[in-house]
Amino acid sequence: MKTNRLILALLLLATVAGFPTPARAAGDVTVRGILISASNEKGESDGRLASYVPNLKRILQAESFHFVGEDSTTLSVPGAGSLELGDGQRVELATESTSGKTVLLKIRWGSVRQEYVLQRRGTTVLVGPNDRKGGRYAVILSGG
């Protein structure tokens, strides 16, 4: 009986102190964002983007892609946070619900506002404003 009380007390303490517990961690989602600059100039794309280049070419109809910055955040569901991606680009995120394998994200990036159902291991591309060099910004979002 004492053991059960001790375990219950430790779980309560961990929850109050903000330590992740199994029930709490299941509702969290980690979102990673990579800011890229897409250009119509011929040339090599950044090697860090190699696995994304075929899809980026199809979506953005550009010739080369350059890594600008990245950030990640872990959000509670429901919850909110942001990604600071570099070059003054900030993406605000809010989670609405989760089904275990997916999470509903409300995304705000400048004038871009979008709702997206992100799979825990899925990826999506947000097309954004023009960059300072005449190209176009995009953000690759992935969920974990």
Protein backbone atom coordinates (compact mmCIF):
# COMPACT_ATOMS: atom_id res chain seq x y z
CA MET A 1 0.00 0.00 0.00
CA LYS A 2 2.84 2.37 0.85
CA THR A 3 4.44 1.64 -2.52
CA ASN A 4 1.26 2.63 -4.39
CA ARG A 5 1.03 5.89 -2.46
CA LEU A 6 4.70 6.63 -3.14
CA ILE A 7 4.28 6.02 -6.87
CA LEU A 8 1.14 8.17 -6.95
CA ALA A 9 2.90 10.97 -5.06
CA LEU A 10 5.89 10.87 -7.44
CA LEU A 11 3.63 10.98 -10.50
CA LEU A 12 1.73 13.91 -9.04
CA LEU A 13 4.97 15.73 -8.25
CA ALA A 14 6.34 15.07 -11.74
CA THR A 15 3.16 16.40 -13.33
CA VAL A 16 3.10 19.54 -11.19
CA ALA A 17 6.82 20.15 -11.77
CA GLY A 18 6.35 19.92 -15.54
CA PHE A 19 8.26 16.69 -16.12
CA PRO A 20 6.90 14.72 -19.05
CA THR A 21 4.73 11.82 -18.04
CA PRO A 22 3.58 9.11 -20.46
CA ALA A 23 0.07 10.60 -20.73
CA ARG A 24 1.43 14.11 -21.26
CA ALA A 25 4.10 13.14 -23.81
CA ALA A 26 1.54 11.37 -26.01
CA GLY A 27 -0.21 14.70 -26.64
CA ASP A 28 2.95 16.58 -27.60
CA VAL A 29 4.16 17.06 -31.16
CA THR A 30 7.57 18.19 -32.37
CA VAL A 31 7.57 20.38 -35.47
CA ARG A 32 10.75 21.12 -37.43
CA GLY A 33 10.96 23.88 -40.01
CA ILE A 34 13.60 24.48 -42.68
CA LEU A 35 13.62 27.85 -44.42
CA ILE A 36 14.81 27.70 -48.01
CA SER A 37 15.24 30.15 -50.82
CA ALA A 38 14.12 28.95 -54.25
CA SER A 39 15.64 30.50 -57.36
CA ASN A 40 15.28 30.18 -61.12
CA GLU A 41 19.06 30.50 -61.50
CA LYS A 42 20.74 27.34 -62.76
CA GLY A 43 23.12 25.80 -60.29
CA GLU A 44 23.59 23.30 -57.53
CA SER A 45 21.10 23.12 -54.69
CA ASP A 46 22.31 22.96 -51.12
CA GLY A 47 23.28 19.37 -50.27
CA ARG A 48 21.27 19.49 -47.03
CA LEU A 49 18.13 19.69 -49.17
CA ALA A 50 18.98 16.80 -51.52
CA SER A 51 16.14 14.54 -50.38
CA TYR A 52 13.62 17.37 -50.87
CA VAL A 53 14.79 18.75 -54.25
CA PRO A 54 12.54 16.63 -56.57
CA ASN A 55 9.40 17.67 -54.67
CA LEU A 56 10.58 21.28 -54.31
CA LYS A 57 11.11 21.53 -58.08
CA ARG A 58 7.60 20.22 -58.70
CA ILE A 59 5.93 22.46 -56.11
CA LEU A 60 7.93 25.68 -56.52
CA GLN A 61 8.86 25.31 -60.21
CA ALA A 62 12.36 26.60 -59.49
CA GLU A 63 15.83 25.46 -60.53
CA SER A 64 17.91 25.65 -57.34
CA PHE A 65 17.31 25.71 -53.60
CA HIS A 66 19.42 27.15 -50.80
CA PHE A 67 19.26 26.41 -47.09
CA VAL A 68 18.63 29.60 -45.07
CA GLY A 69 17.92 28.37 -41.54
CA GLU A 70 16.02 25.95 -39.36
CA ASP A 71 14.35 25.62 -35.99
CA SER A 72 12.19 23.13 -34.11
CA THR A 73 9.73 23.27 -31.27
CA THR A 74 7.69 20.85 -29.21
CA LEU A 75 4.07 21.83 -28.74
CA SER A 76 1.39 20.52 -26.42
CA VAL A 77 -1.96 19.67 -27.93
CA PRO A 78 -3.67 22.08 -27.71
CA GLY A 79 -0.87 24.61 -27.58
CA ALA A 80 1.05 27.27 -29.48
CA GLY A 81 4.62 28.19 -30.33
CA SER A 82 6.77 29.51 -33.12
CA LEU A 83 9.75 28.74 -35.32
CA GLU A 84 12.48 31.37 -35.76
CA LEU A 85 13.94 30.34 -39.11
CA GLY A 86 16.43 33.09 -39.93
CA ASP A 87 16.37 36.10 -42.26
CA GLY A 88 13.63 37.56 -40.04
CA GLN A 89 11.20 34.78 -40.98
CA ARG A 90 8.99 33.53 -38.16
CA VAL A 91 6.28 30.88 -38.45
CA GLU A 92 3.64 30.80 -35.71
CA LEU A 93 2.02 27.46 -34.96
CA ALA A 94 -1.02 26.44 -32.95
CA THR A 95 -2.19 22.88 -32.39
CA GLU A 96 -5.89 22.14 -32.21
CA SER A 97 -6.26 18.40 -31.88
CA THR A 98 -4.53 15.11 -32.43
CA SER A 99 -5.55 11.63 -33.44
CA GLY A 100 -2.32 10.03 -32.27
CA LYS A 101 -0.83 9.79 -35.78
CA THR A 102 -1.82 13.27 -36.98
CA VAL A 103 -2.12 16.75 -35.51
CA LEU A 104 -4.15 19.72 -36.76
CA LEU A 105 -1.81 22.70 -37.12
CA LYS A 106 -2.89 26.29 -37.63
CA ILE A 107 0.00 28.02 -39.35
CA ARG A 108 0.66 31.74 -39.67
CA TRP A 109 3.63 33.03 -41.68
CA GLY A 110 3.29 36.69 -42.57
CA SER A 111 0.18 36.90 -44.72
CA VAL A 112 0.05 33.12 -45.17
CA ARG A 113 -2.56 31.48 -42.97
CA GLN A 114 -3.21 27.81 -43.37
CA GLU A 115 -4.61 24.83 -41.53
CA TYR A 116 -2.86 21.57 -42.15
CA VAL A 117 -3.23 18.03 -40.83
CA LEU A 118 0.38 17.02 -40.25
CA GLN A 119 1.26 13.37 -39.91
CA ARG A 120 3.69 12.64 -37.09
CA ARG A 121 6.35 11.58 -39.62
CA GLY A 122 4.99 13.66 -42.50
CA THR A 123 6.28 16.68 -44.38
CA THR A 124 4.65 19.66 -46.08
CA VAL A 125 5.93 22.73 -47.93
CA LEU A 126 4.66 26.26 -47.33
CA VAL A 127 5.27 28.75 -50.12
CA GLY A 128 6.00 32.22 -48.83
CA PRO A 129 7.06 35.68 -49.92
CA ASN A 130 9.84 36.72 -52.26
CA ASP A 131 13.30 36.85 -50.72
CA ARG A 132 15.81 39.71 -50.98
CA LYS A 133 17.61 38.17 -53.97
CA GLY A 134 14.64 37.83 -56.30
CA GLY A 135 13.89 34.24 -55.34
CA ARG A 136 11.09 32.89 -53.21
CA TYR A 137 11.06 31.67 -49.63
CA ALA A 138 9.52 28.35 -48.69
CA VAL A 139 9.37 26.40 -45.44
CA ILE A 140 9.60 22.62 -45.21
CA LEU A 141 7.62 21.56 -42.12
CA SER A 142 7.95 18.08 -40.69
CA GLY A 143 6.28 16.49 -37.71
CA GLY A 144 7.76 14.12 -35.22
